[in-house]
N, C-alpha and C. Protein backbone atom coordinates (compact mmCIF):
# COMPACT_ATOMS: atom_id res chain seq x y z
N UNK A 1 -33.48 -21.00 10.28
CA UNK A 1 -32.97 -20.39 9.12
C UNK A 1 -31.84 -19.64 9.76
N UNK A 2 -31.02 -19.36 9.12
CA UNK A 2 -29.94 -18.29 9.46
C UNK A 2 -30.00 -16.65 9.84
N UNK A 3 -29.38 -16.35 10.91
CA UNK A 3 -29.14 -15.21 11.32
C UNK A 3 -27.64 -14.50 11.83
N UNK A 4 -27.03 -14.04 10.55
CA UNK A 4 -26.12 -13.48 10.50
C UNK A 4 -25.74 -12.44 11.67
N UNK A 5 -24.42 -13.11 12.98
CA UNK A 5 -24.40 -11.54 13.56
C UNK A 5 -22.81 -12.13 14.09
N UNK A 6 -22.21 -11.03 14.17
CA UNK A 6 -20.50 -10.89 14.90
C UNK A 6 -20.60 -10.59 16.06
N UNK A 7 -19.31 -10.89 16.62
CA UNK A 7 -19.18 -10.66 17.57
C UNK A 7 -17.58 -9.68 17.90
N UNK A 8 -16.75 -9.23 18.63
CA UNK A 8 -16.34 -8.80 18.35
C UNK A 8 -15.77 -8.60 20.46
N UNK A 9 -14.73 -9.13 20.34
CA UNK A 9 -13.94 -9.12 21.68
C UNK A 9 -12.75 -8.17 21.69
N UNK A 10 -13.20 -6.94 22.50
CA UNK A 10 -12.26 -5.99 22.78
C UNK A 10 -11.18 -5.97 23.88
N UNK A 11 -11.34 -7.33 24.42
CA UNK A 11 -9.92 -7.46 25.59
C UNK A 11 -8.92 -8.14 24.37
N UNK A 12 -9.44 -9.03 23.30
CA UNK A 12 -8.54 -9.39 22.89
C UNK A 12 -7.79 -9.06 21.21
N UNK A 13 -8.97 -7.73 20.64
CA UNK A 13 -8.04 -7.45 20.56
C UNK A 13 -6.83 -6.30 19.69
N UNK A 14 -5.37 -6.45 19.65
CA UNK A 14 -4.11 -5.89 19.54
C UNK A 14 -4.45 -5.19 18.65
N UNK A 15 -5.07 -4.19 17.70
CA UNK A 15 -4.68 -3.25 17.45
C UNK A 15 -4.09 -3.35 16.12
N UNK A 16 -4.12 -4.57 15.18
CA UNK A 16 -2.50 -4.92 14.57
C UNK A 16 -3.15 -5.17 13.03
N UNK A 17 -4.32 -4.70 12.78
CA UNK A 17 -5.38 -4.16 11.57
C UNK A 17 -5.11 -4.73 10.09
N UNK A 18 -4.63 -6.29 10.80
CA UNK A 18 -4.58 -7.20 9.91
C UNK A 18 -5.93 -7.68 9.69
N UNK A 19 -7.17 -7.23 10.05
CA UNK A 19 -8.75 -6.59 9.67
C UNK A 19 -8.92 -6.29 8.48
N UNK A 20 -8.00 -5.02 8.26
CA UNK A 20 -8.72 -3.41 7.41
C UNK A 20 -7.27 -4.31 6.80
N UNK A 21 -6.18 -5.10 6.80
CA UNK A 21 -5.43 -5.59 5.33
C UNK A 21 -6.68 -6.93 4.42
N UNK A 22 -6.38 -7.81 5.70
CA UNK A 22 -7.37 -9.19 4.92
C UNK A 22 -8.86 -8.82 4.18
N UNK A 23 -9.58 -7.41 4.69
CA UNK A 23 -10.59 -7.04 4.24
C UNK A 23 -10.56 -6.65 2.44
N UNK A 24 -10.03 -5.52 2.75
CA UNK A 24 -9.34 -4.93 1.47
C UNK A 24 -8.88 -5.47 0.09
N UNK A 25 -7.72 -6.56 0.80
CA UNK A 25 -7.62 -7.26 -0.04
C UNK A 25 -8.86 -8.37 -1.05
N UNK A 26 -9.12 -8.55 -0.36
CA UNK A 26 -10.49 -9.77 -0.35
C UNK A 26 -11.45 -9.15 -0.87
N UNK A 27 -12.29 -7.87 -0.73
CA UNK A 27 -13.37 -6.97 -1.35
C UNK A 27 -12.22 -6.10 -1.94
N UNK A 28 -11.15 -5.45 -2.62
CA UNK A 28 -10.56 -4.37 -3.42
C UNK A 28 -11.37 -2.81 -2.61
N UNK A 29 -11.29 -3.05 -2.02
CA UNK A 29 -11.71 -1.71 -1.16
C UNK A 29 -11.09 0.04 -1.79
N UNK A 30 -11.86 0.84 -2.15
CA UNK A 30 -10.53 1.32 -2.63
C UNK A 30 -9.92 3.02 -1.43
N UNK A 31 -8.66 1.94 -0.77
CA UNK A 31 -7.67 2.56 0.66
C UNK A 31 -7.23 3.44 -0.08
N UNK A 32 -6.58 3.72 -1.19
CA UNK A 32 -5.97 5.06 -1.49
C UNK A 32 -7.23 6.10 -0.64
N UNK A 33 -8.18 5.97 -0.82
CA UNK A 33 -9.32 7.26 -1.14
C UNK A 33 -9.91 7.26 0.72
N UNK A 34 -8.87 5.82 1.11
CA UNK A 34 -9.59 5.99 2.40
C UNK A 34 -10.82 5.72 3.22
N UNK A 35 -10.96 4.46 2.55
CA UNK A 35 -12.40 4.04 2.50
C UNK A 35 -11.83 2.57 2.69
N UNK A 36 -12.66 2.20 4.03
CA UNK A 36 -12.45 0.91 4.26
C UNK A 36 -13.95 0.18 4.54
N UNK A 37 -13.58 -0.76 4.56
CA UNK A 37 -15.33 -1.33 4.82
C UNK A 37 -15.12 -1.76 6.59
N UNK A 38 -14.21 -2.69 7.03
CA UNK A 38 -13.76 -2.31 8.49
C UNK A 38 -12.71 -1.46 9.03
N UNK A 39 -12.74 -0.52 10.23
CA UNK A 39 -11.56 0.48 10.14
C UNK A 39 -11.87 -0.36 12.42
N UNK A 40 -10.64 -0.07 12.13
CA UNK A 40 -10.00 -0.25 14.37
C UNK A 40 -9.41 1.33 14.11
N UNK A 41 -10.29 1.68 15.49
CA UNK A 41 -10.42 2.89 16.47
C UNK A 41 -9.21 2.94 16.54
N UNK A 42 -8.09 3.43 17.55
CA UNK A 42 -6.81 3.81 17.72
C UNK A 42 -7.52 5.02 19.38
N UNK A 43 -7.46 3.94 20.64
CA UNK A 43 -8.28 5.59 21.44
C UNK A 43 -7.10 5.23 22.86
N UNK A 44 -7.12 6.34 23.08
CA UNK A 44 -6.13 6.34 24.46
C UNK A 44 -7.07 6.93 26.12
N UNK A 45 -7.19 6.50 26.98
CA UNK A 45 -7.89 6.94 27.97
C UNK A 45 -7.00 7.02 29.17
N UNK A 46 -7.12 7.56 29.87
CA UNK A 46 -6.60 7.87 31.49
C UNK A 46 -5.44 8.63 31.55
N UNK A 47 -4.46 8.84 32.55
CA UNK A 47 -3.55 10.01 32.35
C UNK A 47 -2.69 8.91 32.85
N UNK A 48 -0.73 9.61 32.52
CA UNK A 48 0.17 8.98 33.64
C UNK A 48 0.62 7.83 33.66
N UNK A 49 0.59 7.35 35.06
CA UNK A 49 0.71 5.65 34.75
C UNK A 49 -0.04 4.72 34.80
N UNK A 50 -1.46 5.19 34.45
CA UNK A 50 -2.58 5.04 33.98
C UNK A 50 -3.15 4.43 32.33
N UNK A 51 -2.24 5.13 31.81
CA UNK A 51 -3.28 5.41 30.64
C UNK A 51 -3.06 4.35 30.14
N UNK A 52 -4.20 3.74 28.88
CA UNK A 52 -4.98 2.67 28.55
C UNK A 52 -4.72 2.89 27.08
N UNK A 53 -4.38 2.07 25.98
CA UNK A 53 -4.94 2.09 24.81
C UNK A 53 -6.55 0.63 24.28
N UNK A 54 -6.99 1.41 23.67
CA UNK A 54 -8.74 1.45 23.51
C UNK A 54 -8.51 1.08 21.91
N UNK A 55 -8.54 -0.52 21.14
CA UNK A 55 -8.62 -0.72 19.61
C UNK A 55 -10.14 -1.20 20.13
N UNK A 56 -11.25 -0.29 18.95
CA UNK A 56 -12.34 -0.62 19.08
C UNK A 56 -12.64 -1.15 17.15
N UNK A 57 -12.74 -1.44 16.48
CA UNK A 57 -12.77 -2.35 15.39
C UNK A 57 -13.70 -2.32 14.90
N UNK A 58 -14.60 -1.82 14.28
CA UNK A 58 -15.90 -0.52 13.82
C UNK A 58 -16.48 -1.88 11.96
N UNK A 59 -17.59 -1.55 11.66
CA UNK A 59 -17.41 -1.72 10.06
C UNK A 59 -19.21 -1.73 10.13
N UNK A 60 -20.25 -2.02 9.25
CA UNK A 60 -21.57 -1.90 8.56
C UNK A 60 -21.78 -2.86 10.50
N UNK A 61 -22.87 -2.77 10.65
CA UNK A 61 -23.83 -3.44 11.98
C UNK A 61 -24.75 -4.18 11.42
N UNK A 62 -24.97 -4.13 9.67
CA UNK A 62 -25.88 -5.26 8.76
C UNK A 62 -27.10 -5.22 10.29
N UNK A 63 -27.82 -4.55 10.13
CA UNK A 63 -28.83 -3.89 11.40
C UNK A 63 -30.08 -4.70 10.42
N UNK A 64 -30.84 -4.97 11.93
CA UNK A 64 -31.91 -5.13 11.39
C UNK A 64 -33.57 -4.64 10.92
N UNK A 65 -33.34 -3.33 11.38
CA UNK A 65 -33.64 -2.62 10.83
C UNK A 65 -33.06 -1.29 10.69
N UNK A 66 -32.50 -1.20 8.84
CA UNK A 66 -31.27 -0.74 8.28
C UNK A 66 -31.88 0.69 7.50
N UNK A 67 -31.54 1.81 8.30
CA UNK A 67 -32.28 3.16 8.33
C UNK A 67 -31.32 3.28 6.50
N UNK A 68 -30.03 2.40 5.50
CA UNK A 68 -29.82 3.30 4.93
C UNK A 68 -30.83 2.33 3.71
N UNK A 69 -31.30 1.21 4.25
CA UNK A 69 -32.24 0.83 3.15
C UNK A 69 -33.53 1.20 3.09
N UNK A 70 -34.07 1.96 4.15
CA UNK A 70 -35.43 2.97 4.16
C UNK A 70 -35.04 3.82 2.93
N UNK A 71 -34.26 4.63 3.28
CA UNK A 71 -34.20 5.90 2.07
C UNK A 71 -33.79 5.39 1.24
N UNK A 72 -33.05 3.40 0.58
CA UNK A 72 -32.72 3.95 -0.85
C UNK A 72 -33.59 3.61 -2.14
N UNK A 73 -33.41 4.76 -2.73
CA UNK A 73 -35.14 5.01 -3.51
C UNK A 73 -34.97 4.47 -5.01
N UNK A 74 -33.88 2.95 -4.93
CA UNK A 74 -34.11 2.64 -6.68
C UNK A 74 -33.69 1.04 -5.78
N UNK A 75 -34.38 0.36 -4.14
CA UNK A 75 -33.76 -0.39 -3.58
C UNK A 75 -32.72 -1.73 -3.68
N UNK A 76 -31.37 -0.18 -4.58
CA UNK A 76 -29.81 -1.43 -4.00
C UNK A 76 -29.53 -1.81 -2.72
N UNK A 77 -30.61 -0.59 -2.23
CA UNK A 77 -29.74 -2.04 -0.61
C UNK A 77 -30.40 -2.11 -0.26
N UNK A 78 -30.35 -3.93 0.35
CA UNK A 78 -31.28 -4.57 0.62
C UNK A 78 -30.85 -5.81 1.56
N UNK A 79 -31.69 -6.22 2.55
CA UNK A 79 -31.69 -7.10 3.32
C UNK A 79 -31.48 -8.46 2.80
N UNK A 80 -30.56 -9.64 3.05
CA UNK A 80 -30.81 -11.36 2.93
C UNK A 80 -31.85 -11.59 3.51
N UNK A 81 -31.77 -13.30 3.98
CA UNK A 81 -32.86 -14.16 4.25
C UNK A 81 -31.70 -14.59 5.04
N UNK A 82 -30.10 -13.89 5.46
CA UNK A 82 -29.66 -14.67 6.17
C UNK A 82 -29.20 -13.34 6.97
N UNK A 83 -29.98 -12.16 7.08
CA UNK A 83 -29.73 -10.81 8.09
C UNK A 83 -28.80 -10.40 7.21
N UNK A 84 -28.25 -10.19 6.22
CA UNK A 84 -26.80 -9.33 5.80
C UNK A 84 -27.14 -8.36 4.67
N UNK A 85 -26.61 -7.13 4.66
CA UNK A 85 -27.59 -6.37 3.73
C UNK A 85 -26.44 -5.68 3.12
N UNK A 86 -27.05 -5.99 1.93
CA UNK A 86 -26.07 -6.06 0.88
C UNK A 86 -26.52 -4.53 -0.14
N UNK A 87 -25.40 -3.96 -1.00
CA UNK A 87 -25.65 -3.69 -2.31
C UNK A 87 -25.78 -3.74 -3.64
N UNK A 88 -26.49 -3.90 -4.60
CA UNK A 88 -26.82 -4.34 -5.66
C UNK A 88 -25.89 -2.89 -6.41
N UNK A 89 -24.83 -3.35 -6.85
CA UNK A 89 -23.94 -2.30 -7.97
C UNK A 89 -24.48 -2.10 -9.19
N UNK A 90 -25.73 -2.55 -9.62
CA UNK A 90 -26.66 -2.58 -11.07
C UNK A 90 -27.44 -1.69 -10.71
N UNK A 91 -28.14 -1.68 -9.39
CA UNK A 91 -29.18 -1.03 -9.05
C UNK A 91 -28.68 0.40 -8.14
N UNK A 92 -27.80 0.83 -8.00
CA UNK A 92 -27.16 1.66 -7.76
C UNK A 92 -26.88 3.18 -8.32
N UNK A 93 -27.11 4.27 -7.94
CA UNK A 93 -27.37 5.59 -8.74
C UNK A 93 -26.10 6.80 -8.19
N UNK A 94 -25.78 5.57 -6.63
CA UNK A 94 -24.84 7.04 -6.44
C UNK A 94 -25.71 7.91 -5.60
N UNK A 95 -26.75 8.38 -5.16
CA UNK A 95 -26.75 9.40 -4.80
C UNK A 95 -26.45 9.69 -3.28
N UNK A 96 -26.31 8.73 -2.68
CA UNK A 96 -25.76 8.74 -1.20
C UNK A 96 -26.32 8.56 0.24
N UNK A 97 -27.81 8.61 -0.21
CA UNK A 97 -28.80 8.90 0.74
C UNK A 97 -28.28 7.51 2.14
N UNK A 98 -27.87 6.61 1.05
CA UNK A 98 -27.55 5.65 2.42
C UNK A 98 -26.15 6.41 3.14
N UNK A 99 -25.92 6.80 3.02
CA UNK A 99 -24.36 7.23 3.57
C UNK A 99 -25.16 7.90 4.69
N UNK A 100 -25.74 9.26 4.30
CA UNK A 100 -26.80 10.15 5.45
C UNK A 100 -27.35 9.86 6.63
N UNK A 101 -28.24 8.36 6.05
CA UNK A 101 -28.93 7.36 6.62
C UNK A 101 -28.16 6.68 7.71
N UNK A 102 -27.09 6.57 7.21
CA UNK A 102 -26.06 5.29 8.55
C UNK A 102 -25.52 6.36 9.75
N UNK A 103 -26.48 5.69 10.84
CA UNK A 103 -25.84 6.85 12.01
C UNK A 103 -24.09 5.94 12.50
N UNK A 104 -23.58 5.12 11.57
CA UNK A 104 -22.32 4.34 12.00
C UNK A 104 -21.31 4.65 10.75
N UNK A 105 -21.96 5.64 9.66
CA UNK A 105 -20.74 5.92 9.32
C UNK A 105 -20.39 4.75 8.43
N UNK A 106 -21.08 4.04 8.08
CA UNK A 106 -19.82 2.54 7.68
C UNK A 106 -20.44 2.38 5.77
N UNK A 107 -20.83 3.82 5.38
CA UNK A 107 -20.81 3.86 3.99
C UNK A 107 -20.16 4.74 2.96
N UNK A 108 -19.46 4.67 1.70
CA UNK A 108 -18.75 5.23 1.47
C UNK A 108 -19.05 5.14 0.03
N UNK A 109 -18.70 6.11 -1.36
CA UNK A 109 -18.97 6.05 -2.61
C UNK A 109 -17.45 5.41 -2.62
N UNK A 110 -17.83 4.74 -3.84
CA UNK A 110 -16.47 3.72 -5.38
C UNK A 110 -17.02 4.30 -6.32
N UNK A 111 -15.91 5.57 -6.67
CA UNK A 111 -16.36 6.46 -7.90
C UNK A 111 -15.38 5.81 -9.18
N UNK A 112 -15.88 6.27 -10.32
CA UNK A 112 -15.31 6.40 -11.41
C UNK A 112 -13.49 6.66 -10.86
N UNK A 113 -13.37 6.94 -10.43
CA UNK A 113 -11.94 7.69 -10.23
C UNK A 113 -11.02 6.33 -9.28
N UNK A 114 -12.29 6.11 -8.53
CA UNK A 114 -11.45 4.14 -7.66
C UNK A 114 -11.04 3.11 -8.33
N UNK A 115 -12.45 3.19 -9.21
CA UNK A 115 -12.45 2.15 -10.42
C UNK A 115 -11.60 2.14 -11.27
N UNK A 116 -10.27 3.01 -11.78
CA UNK A 116 -9.33 3.32 -12.96
C UNK A 116 -8.25 3.18 -11.95
N UNK A 117 -7.97 4.06 -10.49
CA UNK A 117 -7.06 2.66 -10.25
C UNK A 117 -7.13 1.37 -9.39
N UNK A 118 -7.96 1.52 -9.25
CA UNK A 118 -8.44 -0.02 -8.51
C UNK A 118 -7.85 -1.29 -9.51
N UNK A 119 -7.73 -1.16 -10.63
CA UNK A 119 -7.42 -2.20 -11.89
C UNK A 119 -5.97 -1.64 -11.48
N UNK A 120 -5.39 -0.67 -11.68
CA UNK A 120 -4.14 -0.04 -11.27
C UNK A 120 -3.09 -1.00 -10.17
N UNK A 121 -4.15 -1.38 -9.24
CA UNK A 121 -3.91 -1.55 -7.62
C UNK A 121 -3.97 -3.11 -8.13
N UNK A 122 -5.41 -3.41 -7.53
CA UNK A 122 -5.44 -4.75 -7.31
C UNK A 122 -5.10 -5.55 -8.82
N UNK A 123 -4.97 -5.15 -9.97
CA UNK A 123 -5.26 -5.78 -10.99
C UNK A 123 -6.44 -6.15 -12.01
N UNK A 124 -6.71 -7.51 -11.52
CA UNK A 124 -8.21 -7.98 -12.29
C UNK A 124 -9.01 -7.31 -11.32
N UNK A 125 -10.53 -6.29 -11.73
CA UNK A 125 -10.95 -5.65 -10.97
C UNK A 125 -12.66 -6.45 -10.96
N UNK A 126 -13.00 -6.89 -9.43
CA UNK A 126 -14.05 -7.59 -9.96
C UNK A 126 -15.52 -6.22 -10.36
N UNK A 127 -15.26 -5.05 -9.33
CA UNK A 127 -16.18 -4.18 -9.81
C UNK A 127 -16.20 -3.39 -11.21
N UNK A 128 -16.89 -3.36 -11.94
CA UNK A 128 -17.33 -2.89 -13.21
C UNK A 128 -18.09 -1.52 -13.07
N UNK A 129 -18.67 -1.10 -11.85
CA UNK A 129 -19.45 0.35 -12.11
C UNK A 129 -19.01 1.15 -11.01
N UNK A 130 -19.68 2.38 -10.63
CA UNK A 130 -19.66 2.81 -9.42
C UNK A 130 -20.58 2.91 -8.66
N UNK A 131 -20.49 2.88 -7.34
CA UNK A 131 -21.48 2.74 -7.09
C UNK A 131 -21.11 2.59 -5.16
N UNK A 132 -22.50 2.64 -4.03
CA UNK A 132 -21.71 2.79 -2.90
C UNK A 132 -21.85 1.46 -2.12
N UNK A 133 -20.63 1.81 -1.03
CA UNK A 133 -19.84 0.43 -0.64
C UNK A 133 -20.26 0.23 0.62
N UNK A 134 -19.70 -0.74 1.34
CA UNK A 134 -19.66 -1.12 2.64
C UNK A 134 -19.82 -2.67 2.87
N UNK A 135 -19.57 -3.10 3.86
CA UNK A 135 -18.85 -4.44 4.78
C UNK A 135 -20.43 -5.31 4.11
N UNK A 136 -19.63 -6.60 3.38
CA UNK A 136 -21.10 -7.11 3.35
C UNK A 136 -20.43 -8.45 3.99
N UNK A 137 -20.18 -8.17 5.23
CA UNK A 137 -19.61 -9.77 5.95
C UNK A 137 -19.02 -11.03 5.25
N UNK A 138 -18.62 -10.46 4.01
CA UNK A 138 -17.59 -11.09 2.64
C UNK A 138 -19.20 -12.43 2.90
N UNK A 139 -20.15 -12.30 2.30
CA UNK A 139 -21.31 -12.57 1.74
C UNK A 139 -20.89 -13.94 0.61
N UNK A 140 -20.21 -13.56 -0.13
CA UNK A 140 -20.18 -14.14 -1.26
C UNK A 140 -18.86 -15.41 -0.19
N UNK A 141 -18.49 -15.28 0.58
CA UNK A 141 -18.15 -16.48 1.03
C UNK A 141 -18.88 -16.81 2.22
N UNK A 142 -19.05 -16.57 2.95
CA UNK A 142 -20.34 -17.64 3.65
C UNK A 142 -21.08 -18.12 3.13
N UNK A 143 -21.60 -18.09 1.49
CA UNK A 143 -22.38 -18.94 1.08
C UNK A 143 -21.39 -19.99 0.35
N UNK A 144 -20.82 -19.85 0.72
CA UNK A 144 -19.33 -21.09 0.04
C UNK A 144 -19.21 -22.05 1.53
N UNK A 145 -19.61 -21.75 3.14
CA UNK A 145 -18.91 -22.08 3.78
C UNK A 145 -18.20 -21.59 4.53
N UNK A 146 -17.67 -20.25 3.91
CA UNK A 146 -16.24 -20.18 4.45
C UNK A 146 -16.44 -18.26 5.40
N UNK A 147 -15.51 -18.49 6.42
CA UNK A 147 -15.82 -17.75 7.04
C UNK A 147 -15.29 -15.50 6.27
N UNK A 148 -15.83 -14.88 6.89
CA UNK A 148 -14.84 -13.48 6.48
C UNK A 148 -13.56 -13.65 6.70
N UNK A 149 -13.35 -12.62 5.70
CA UNK A 149 -11.78 -12.45 5.53
C UNK A 149 -11.49 -12.07 6.80
N UNK A 150 -12.24 -10.68 7.65
CA UNK A 150 -11.68 -10.33 8.71
C UNK A 150 -11.43 -11.51 10.34
N UNK A 151 -12.52 -12.01 9.77
CA UNK A 151 -12.33 -13.64 11.05
C UNK A 151 -11.51 -14.36 11.01
N UNK A 152 -11.69 -14.76 10.10
CA UNK A 152 -10.94 -15.68 9.60
C UNK A 152 -9.35 -15.57 9.20
N UNK A 153 -8.55 -13.50 9.69
CA UNK A 153 -7.57 -13.56 9.57
C UNK A 153 -7.05 -12.82 10.91
N UNK A 154 -8.29 -12.89 11.81
CA UNK A 154 -7.62 -12.11 12.99
C UNK A 154 -6.84 -12.84 14.27
N UNK A 155 -5.26 -11.96 14.17
CA UNK A 155 -4.77 -13.26 15.08
C UNK A 155 -4.76 -13.97 17.06
N UNK A 156 -5.74 -12.34 17.39
CA UNK A 156 -6.82 -12.78 18.67
C UNK A 156 -7.11 -13.35 18.98
N UNK A 157 -8.74 -13.97 17.47
CA UNK A 157 -9.15 -14.48 17.98
C UNK A 157 -10.41 -13.61 17.90
N UNK A 158 -10.36 -11.91 18.58
CA UNK A 158 -11.11 -10.88 18.90
C UNK A 158 -12.46 -10.83 17.70
N UNK A 159 -12.51 -11.41 16.54
CA UNK A 159 -13.85 -11.29 15.55
C UNK A 159 -14.04 -12.54 15.80
N UNK A 160 -15.13 -13.10 16.30
CA UNK A 160 -16.10 -14.52 15.26
C UNK A 160 -17.49 -13.77 14.67
N UNK A 161 -17.65 -14.67 14.51
CA UNK A 161 -19.57 -14.88 13.38
C UNK A 161 -20.01 -16.05 13.26
N UNK A 162 -21.55 -15.88 13.76
CA UNK A 162 -21.85 -16.78 14.08
C UNK A 162 -23.73 -17.03 13.54
N UNK A 163 -23.73 -17.75 14.13
CA UNK A 163 -26.17 -17.58 13.63
C UNK A 163 -26.21 -17.69 14.76
N UNK A 164 -27.41 -15.95 15.13
CA UNK A 164 -27.87 -15.75 16.49
C UNK A 164 -29.17 -17.10 16.53
N UNK A 165 -29.92 -17.51 15.42
CA UNK A 165 -30.87 -18.28 15.49
C UNK A 165 -30.15 -20.12 16.20
N UNK A 166 -29.07 -20.15 16.28
CA UNK A 166 -28.72 -20.98 17.00
C UNK A 166 -28.42 -21.17 17.64
N UNK A 167 -29.30 -21.43 19.00
CA UNK A 167 -28.84 -21.24 20.42
C UNK A 167 -27.57 -22.42 21.15
N UNK A 168 -27.41 -22.95 20.72
CA UNK A 168 -26.01 -23.89 21.04
C UNK A 168 -24.71 -23.00 20.56
N UNK A 169 -24.74 -22.71 19.38
CA UNK A 169 -23.41 -21.37 18.98
C UNK A 169 -22.97 -20.25 19.69
N UNK A 170 -21.02 -20.55 20.05
CA UNK A 170 -20.94 -19.53 21.18
C UNK A 170 -21.13 -18.24 20.50
N UNK A 171 -21.42 -17.97 19.51
CA UNK A 171 -21.80 -17.00 19.10
C UNK A 171 -22.76 -16.35 19.73
N UNK A 172 -23.67 -17.31 18.81
CA UNK A 172 -25.08 -17.03 19.96
C UNK A 172 -25.08 -16.66 21.48
N UNK A 173 -24.73 -18.05 21.96
CA UNK A 173 -24.84 -18.20 23.41
C UNK A 173 -24.10 -16.45 23.89
N UNK A 174 -23.05 -16.22 23.69
CA UNK A 174 -23.11 -14.27 24.19
C UNK A 174 -23.36 -12.86 24.35
N UNK A 175 -24.09 -13.28 23.27
CA UNK A 175 -25.64 -12.43 22.95
C UNK A 175 -26.75 -12.84 23.83
N UNK A 176 -26.98 -14.35 23.37
CA UNK A 176 -28.18 -14.50 24.08
C UNK A 176 -27.98 -13.92 26.28
N UNK A 177 -27.13 -14.18 26.64
CA UNK A 177 -26.78 -13.94 28.13
C UNK A 177 -25.95 -12.71 28.42
N UNK A 178 -25.65 -11.46 27.40
CA UNK A 178 -25.83 -10.58 27.38
C UNK A 178 -24.12 -9.85 27.53
N UNK A 179 -23.28 -11.42 27.68
CA UNK A 179 -21.97 -11.17 27.57
C UNK A 179 -21.46 -10.21 26.30
N UNK A 180 -22.13 -10.27 25.31
CA UNK A 180 -22.18 -8.91 24.45
C UNK A 180 -22.96 -8.45 23.81
N UNK A 181 -22.73 -7.17 23.72
CA UNK A 181 -23.61 -6.06 23.22
C UNK A 181 -23.30 -5.24 22.25
N UNK A 182 -24.54 -4.24 21.59
CA UNK A 182 -24.30 -3.74 20.57
C UNK A 182 -24.06 -2.46 20.74
N UNK A 183 -23.00 -1.71 19.87
CA UNK A 183 -22.57 0.18 20.30
C UNK A 183 -24.48 0.89 19.60
N UNK A 184 -24.51 2.16 20.40
CA UNK A 184 -25.80 2.73 20.11
C UNK A 184 -26.60 1.93 19.75
N UNK A 185 -27.29 1.26 20.73
CA UNK A 185 -28.36 0.37 20.01
C UNK A 185 -29.65 1.01 20.40
N UNK A 186 -29.48 2.10 21.08
CA UNK A 186 -30.48 2.99 21.20
C UNK A 186 -30.99 3.31 20.24
N UNK A 187 -30.22 3.77 19.26
CA UNK A 187 -30.58 4.49 18.46
C UNK A 187 -31.56 4.02 17.26
N UNK A 188 -32.24 2.47 17.93
CA UNK A 188 -33.31 1.38 17.40
C UNK A 188 -33.11 0.82 15.49
N UNK A 189 -31.90 1.03 15.34
CA UNK A 189 -31.75 0.25 14.06
C UNK A 189 -31.47 -1.33 14.28
N UNK A 190 -31.77 -1.54 15.71
CA UNK A 190 -31.13 -3.39 15.94
C UNK A 190 -29.66 -3.59 15.24
N UNK A 191 -29.10 -3.49 15.89
CA UNK A 191 -27.86 -4.22 14.93
C UNK A 191 -27.29 -5.25 15.24
N UNK A 192 -26.66 -5.40 14.36
CA UNK A 192 -25.62 -7.38 14.44
C UNK A 192 -24.14 -7.53 14.46
N UNK A 193 -23.79 -6.25 14.96
CA UNK A 193 -22.24 -6.71 15.17
C UNK A 193 -22.53 -6.26 16.27
N UNK A 194 -22.02 -7.09 17.40
CA UNK A 194 -22.04 -7.13 19.29
C UNK A 194 -20.65 -6.90 19.88
N UNK A 195 -20.00 -6.52 20.52
CA UNK A 195 -18.94 -6.13 21.36
C UNK A 195 -18.79 -6.99 23.18
N UNK A 196 -17.91 -7.26 23.14
CA UNK A 196 -18.06 -7.73 24.49
C UNK A 196 -16.59 -6.48 24.93
N UNK A 197 -17.22 -6.34 26.54
CA UNK A 197 -16.66 -4.59 26.66
C UNK A 197 -15.31 -4.92 27.06
N UNK A 198 -14.42 -3.96 27.45
CA UNK A 198 -13.47 -4.12 27.56
C UNK A 198 -13.58 -4.75 29.12
N UNK A 199 -12.98 -5.18 29.39
CA UNK A 199 -13.08 -5.54 31.32
C UNK A 199 -11.11 -4.70 32.26
């Protein structure tokens, strides 16, 4: 059985935001409302000659214990057999309970106004109705054997997607040997996005 996880190497992320651009085009996200499925946080630490910049890509963690799913009153948020947390737009009533429950702030509304703007911005808009939105690991691409847009586009190779249940896969090895670790793992959500800490 396949169980998708993502590993992000914070040592090779250069903060170029190519992942954000690729994701927004692939998934037609409402960037005009400052909503993104993935976002690269830019932080500085230190002082004087020892100032360092840190780029921290964030996205939905596709948790194994997703609080957004347990609070969804309609079942619109669900987990696939390969571990990806998705939203069924046709079932979502836009109550935003999932956004309140998500400790990672990975959920946002895609509104009627966004749909109108999206038709002008993207041309042929695939979305037909408003709903809550989030990263999907580009599940539509995974189903045809392609990598998510953000992984395919990353020039530093800092984003990697793989099967955690395949011990021979490099991503699984990074997770199993402890090189890659989830952020905020203490929250009990069992996130499936892991980070290789900056050295």
